[in-house]
Amino acid sequence: MPLEVHDQLTRGRLLPLSAVAACVEHLRGGGLAVLPTETGYMLAVDATDEAAIDAVYAAKGRPEAKPIHVAVASLEEIDRVTELPEEARRLCLEHMPGPLTLVGRSRGVVPDALTAHTGTLGARIPDTPATLQILAAFRGPLTATSHNLSGEPPDPDPIQAAGRLHPVGSGAIHVVVDPEAIKYDRPSTVVDTLVHPWDILREGPVTILPLSG
């Protein structure tokens, strides 16, 4: 399986514009990419493309009954894909970009396959310059599932982990390497804002949260 590796970053940990354009074109064509976040690398595809979503589940061996969260570049993009209460939107302003994923009601921008037909969707804004570049240029949600095979612990080496995936077809996987990206040793905090009080579905780096909802 070929890998297209992008490991030349500027001193500000940004990708050259040519690499951003190559990744975005690849993603818009239904391709897979491994992108850095502050909590580990994520396996990204166009979250509005059902065929690409199927490819993520297949590549990871992930059960289709498990929903996948999305990454976006801004609060406006979060509002476009998922409906959050006003208090949760204030959390976005305080903790994003950062290791926080908020679950709200899906607005139907992404296919039901991504939400595992739950009608809910988690969204986050990662705190990594190169990935934010790609998200801003892509102008839409990308899947934000971990890049490891389902059931395996995350591998901090994105190239090694990408080589163990099982993508459908013969297309390349684009891999963006940022050795300074990972700041936390656990995934993002996940909060369900649809229940009262809010429910922490996964403990993570963000720990001080109003849970009254």
Protein backbone atom coordinates (compact mmCIF):
# COMPACT_ATOMS: atom_id res chain seq x y z
CA MET A 1 0.00 0.00 0.00
CA PRO A 2 1.64 3.28 -1.03
CA LEU A 3 2.01 6.14 1.43
CA GLU A 4 2.36 9.79 0.46
CA VAL A 5 4.31 11.27 3.36
CA HIS A 6 4.30 15.01 4.13
CA ASP A 7 6.98 15.63 6.76
CA GLN A 8 8.47 18.95 5.71
CA LEU A 9 7.05 21.57 8.07
CA THR A 10 7.94 25.20 8.54
CA ARG A 11 9.36 26.47 11.84
CA GLY A 12 5.76 27.29 12.81
CA ARG A 13 4.79 23.64 12.14
CA LEU A 14 2.83 24.55 9.04
CA LEU A 15 2.72 22.57 5.82
CA PRO A 16 3.92 24.07 2.54
CA LEU A 17 0.90 25.19 0.53
CA SER A 18 1.65 22.56 -2.11
CA ALA A 19 1.29 19.82 0.51
CA VAL A 20 -1.97 21.31 1.78
CA ALA A 21 -3.35 21.38 -1.77
CA ALA A 22 -2.27 17.77 -2.39
CA CYS A 23 -3.94 16.54 0.82
CA VAL A 24 -7.15 18.44 0.15
CA GLU A 25 -7.38 17.16 -3.43
CA HIS A 26 -6.79 13.63 -2.16
CA LEU A 27 -9.51 13.95 0.50
CA ARG A 28 -12.00 15.46 -1.94
CA GLY A 29 -11.41 12.46 -4.18
CA GLY A 30 -12.44 10.07 -1.41
CA GLY A 31 -8.92 9.31 -0.21
CA LEU A 32 -7.66 8.56 3.30
CA ALA A 33 -5.22 10.70 5.25
CA VAL A 34 -3.50 10.33 8.60
CA LEU A 35 -3.33 13.76 10.27
CA PRO A 36 -1.77 14.90 13.56
CA THR A 37 -3.74 16.17 16.54
CA GLU A 38 -2.68 17.05 20.07
CA THR A 39 -4.11 13.74 21.34
CA GLY A 40 -2.70 11.47 18.63
CA TYR A 41 -3.03 10.95 14.91
CA MET A 42 -6.46 10.68 13.30
CA LEU A 43 -7.66 8.83 10.22
CA ALA A 44 -9.40 11.40 8.06
CA VAL A 45 -11.74 11.22 5.09
CA ASP A 46 -14.45 13.48 3.77
CA ALA A 47 -17.14 13.03 6.45
CA THR A 48 -19.90 13.83 3.94
CA ASP A 49 -18.86 11.05 1.50
CA GLU A 50 -20.53 7.75 2.35
CA ALA A 51 -18.12 5.69 0.25
CA ALA A 52 -15.17 7.32 2.00
CA ILE A 53 -16.78 6.62 5.38
CA ASP A 54 -17.17 2.97 4.43
CA ALA A 55 -13.46 2.97 3.52
CA VAL A 56 -12.53 4.22 7.01
CA TYR A 57 -14.51 1.47 8.72
CA ALA A 58 -12.94 -1.12 6.42
CA ALA A 59 -9.39 0.20 6.82
CA LYS A 60 -9.61 0.11 10.61
CA GLY A 61 -11.75 -3.00 10.90
CA ARG A 62 -14.07 -0.86 13.00
CA PRO A 63 -17.57 -2.19 13.79
CA GLU A 64 -20.19 -0.20 11.88
CA ALA A 65 -22.26 0.11 15.07
CA LYS A 66 -19.64 2.47 16.52
CA PRO A 67 -20.11 6.11 15.44
CA ILE A 68 -17.20 8.30 14.38
CA HIS A 69 -16.66 11.92 15.45
CA VAL A 70 -15.60 14.70 13.11
CA ALA A 71 -12.96 17.43 13.12
CA VAL A 72 -13.64 20.90 11.76
CA ALA A 73 -11.80 24.22 11.61
CA SER A 74 -14.18 26.61 13.37
CA LEU A 75 -17.20 27.07 15.61
CA GLU A 76 -19.19 27.99 12.51
CA GLU A 77 -18.38 24.56 11.08
CA ILE A 78 -19.41 22.89 14.34
CA ASP A 79 -22.73 24.73 14.15
CA ARG A 80 -23.18 23.53 10.58
CA VAL A 81 -22.80 19.83 11.41
CA THR A 82 -24.17 19.42 14.93
CA GLU A 83 -26.70 21.23 17.11
CA LEU A 84 -25.36 22.23 20.52
CA PRO A 85 -27.01 24.09 23.40
CA GLU A 86 -25.75 27.62 23.95
CA GLU A 87 -23.82 26.70 27.09
CA ALA A 88 -21.97 24.02 25.12
CA ARG A 89 -21.09 26.55 22.42
CA ARG A 90 -19.49 28.66 25.17
CA LEU A 91 -17.36 25.64 26.06
CA CYS A 92 -16.14 25.62 22.47
CA LEU A 93 -15.00 29.21 22.85
CA GLU A 94 -13.13 28.37 26.06
CA HIS A 95 -11.54 25.02 25.16
CA MET A 96 -11.17 24.90 21.37
CA PRO A 97 -8.94 24.36 19.55
CA GLY A 98 -8.17 21.63 22.05
CA PRO A 99 -8.83 18.11 23.33
CA LEU A 100 -12.61 18.38 23.73
CA THR A 101 -15.30 16.67 21.66
CA LEU A 102 -18.93 17.75 22.13
CA VAL A 103 -21.80 15.50 21.07
CA GLY A 104 -25.01 17.10 19.86
CA ARG A 105 -27.81 16.32 17.46
CA SER A 106 -26.60 15.77 13.90
CA ARG A 107 -27.90 18.33 11.42
CA GLY A 108 -27.81 15.77 8.60
CA VAL A 109 -24.70 17.14 6.88
CA VAL A 110 -22.95 13.80 7.38
CA PRO A 111 -24.46 10.45 6.34
CA ASP A 112 -26.25 8.30 8.92
CA ALA A 113 -23.50 5.70 8.50
CA LEU A 114 -21.07 8.02 10.29
CA THR A 115 -23.38 8.44 13.28
CA ALA A 116 -24.21 4.70 13.36
CA HIS A 117 -27.83 5.81 12.83
CA THR A 118 -27.95 7.42 16.30
CA GLY A 119 -28.83 10.88 15.03
CA THR A 120 -26.04 12.36 17.15
CA LEU A 121 -22.61 13.62 16.16
CA GLY A 122 -19.47 14.59 18.07
CA ALA A 123 -17.30 17.42 16.78
CA ARG A 124 -13.98 18.97 17.79
CA ILE A 125 -11.40 21.48 16.60
CA PRO A 126 -7.89 20.00 16.90
CA ASP A 127 -5.03 22.12 18.20
CA THR A 128 -2.48 21.29 15.50
CA PRO A 129 -1.37 23.86 12.91
CA ALA A 130 -0.97 21.56 9.90
CA THR A 131 -4.29 19.81 10.45
CA LEU A 132 -6.07 23.13 10.92
CA GLN A 133 -4.55 24.25 7.60
CA ILE A 134 -6.02 21.22 5.87
CA LEU A 135 -9.42 21.59 7.56
CA ALA A 136 -9.62 25.27 6.64
CA ALA A 137 -8.71 24.57 3.02
CA PHE A 138 -11.03 21.56 2.81
CA ARG A 139 -13.95 23.64 4.12
CA GLY A 140 -15.87 20.75 5.60
CA PRO A 141 -15.84 18.05 8.27
CA LEU A 142 -13.29 15.23 8.27
CA THR A 143 -13.54 12.01 10.23
CA ALA A 144 -11.54 12.15 13.45
CA THR A 145 -11.22 8.50 14.43
CA SER A 146 -7.88 7.23 15.70
CA HIS A 147 -5.54 5.92 13.01
CA ASN A 148 -4.90 2.53 14.61
CA LEU A 149 -6.64 -0.72 13.79
CA SER A 150 -9.80 -1.20 15.84
CA GLY A 151 -8.99 -2.70 19.23
CA GLU A 152 -5.29 -1.87 19.07
CA PRO A 153 -3.59 0.86 21.13
CA PRO A 154 -2.68 4.04 19.25
CA ASP A 155 0.78 4.01 17.67
CA PRO A 156 2.67 7.32 17.97
CA ASP A 157 4.46 6.51 14.69
CA PRO A 158 1.93 7.56 12.01
CA ILE A 159 3.84 5.94 9.13
CA GLN A 160 4.11 2.61 10.89
CA ALA A 161 0.45 2.69 11.91
CA ALA A 162 -0.73 3.68 8.43
CA GLY A 163 1.16 0.71 7.02
CA ARG A 164 -0.96 -1.66 9.11
CA LEU A 165 -4.31 -0.33 7.86
CA HIS A 166 -6.35 -2.31 5.36
CA PRO A 167 -7.63 0.21 2.82
CA VAL A 168 -9.99 -0.88 0.07
CA GLY A 169 -8.46 -0.52 -3.40
CA SER A 170 -4.98 0.57 -4.32
CA GLY A 171 -5.08 4.30 -3.53
CA ALA A 172 -2.36 5.91 -1.45
CA ILE A 173 -2.81 7.11 2.11
CA HIS A 174 -1.50 10.62 2.71
CA VAL A 175 0.36 10.92 6.03
CA VAL A 176 1.21 14.26 7.63
CA VAL A 177 4.03 13.89 10.17
CA ASP A 178 4.46 16.38 13.01
CA PRO A 179 6.85 15.07 15.70
CA GLU A 180 5.74 17.83 18.10
CA ALA A 181 2.00 17.36 17.69
CA ILE A 182 1.03 14.97 20.48
CA LYS A 183 0.71 16.82 23.81
CA TYR A 184 -1.52 14.38 25.72
CA ASP A 185 -1.32 10.66 26.43
CA ARG A 186 -5.06 10.05 26.11
CA PRO A 187 -7.84 10.93 23.65
CA SER A 188 -10.04 14.00 23.84
CA THR A 189 -12.69 14.42 26.51
CA VAL A 190 -16.09 13.50 25.03
CA VAL A 191 -19.23 15.12 26.46
CA ASP A 192 -22.83 14.28 25.56
CA THR A 193 -24.76 17.57 25.65
CA LEU A 194 -28.10 15.96 24.80
CA VAL A 195 -28.77 14.72 28.32
CA HIS A 196 -29.34 16.66 31.56
CA PRO A 197 -26.99 16.83 33.31
CA TRP A 198 -24.39 16.41 30.58
CA ASP A 199 -22.66 13.05 30.52
CA ILE A 200 -18.89 12.60 30.15
CA LEU A 201 -18.72 9.69 27.72
CA ARG A 202 -14.93 9.57 27.83
CA GLU A 203 -12.58 11.09 30.39
CA GLY A 204 -9.79 13.10 28.82
CA PRO A 205 -7.48 16.09 29.18
CA VAL A 206 -10.29 18.64 29.69
CA THR A 207 -11.57 17.95 33.20
CA ILE A 208 -13.21 21.11 34.55
CA LEU A 209 -16.60 21.27 32.87
CA PRO A 210 -20.04 22.54 33.86
CA LEU A 211 -22.20 19.44 33.82
CA SER A 212 -25.57 21.03 34.57
CA GLY A 213 -26.27 21.35 30.85
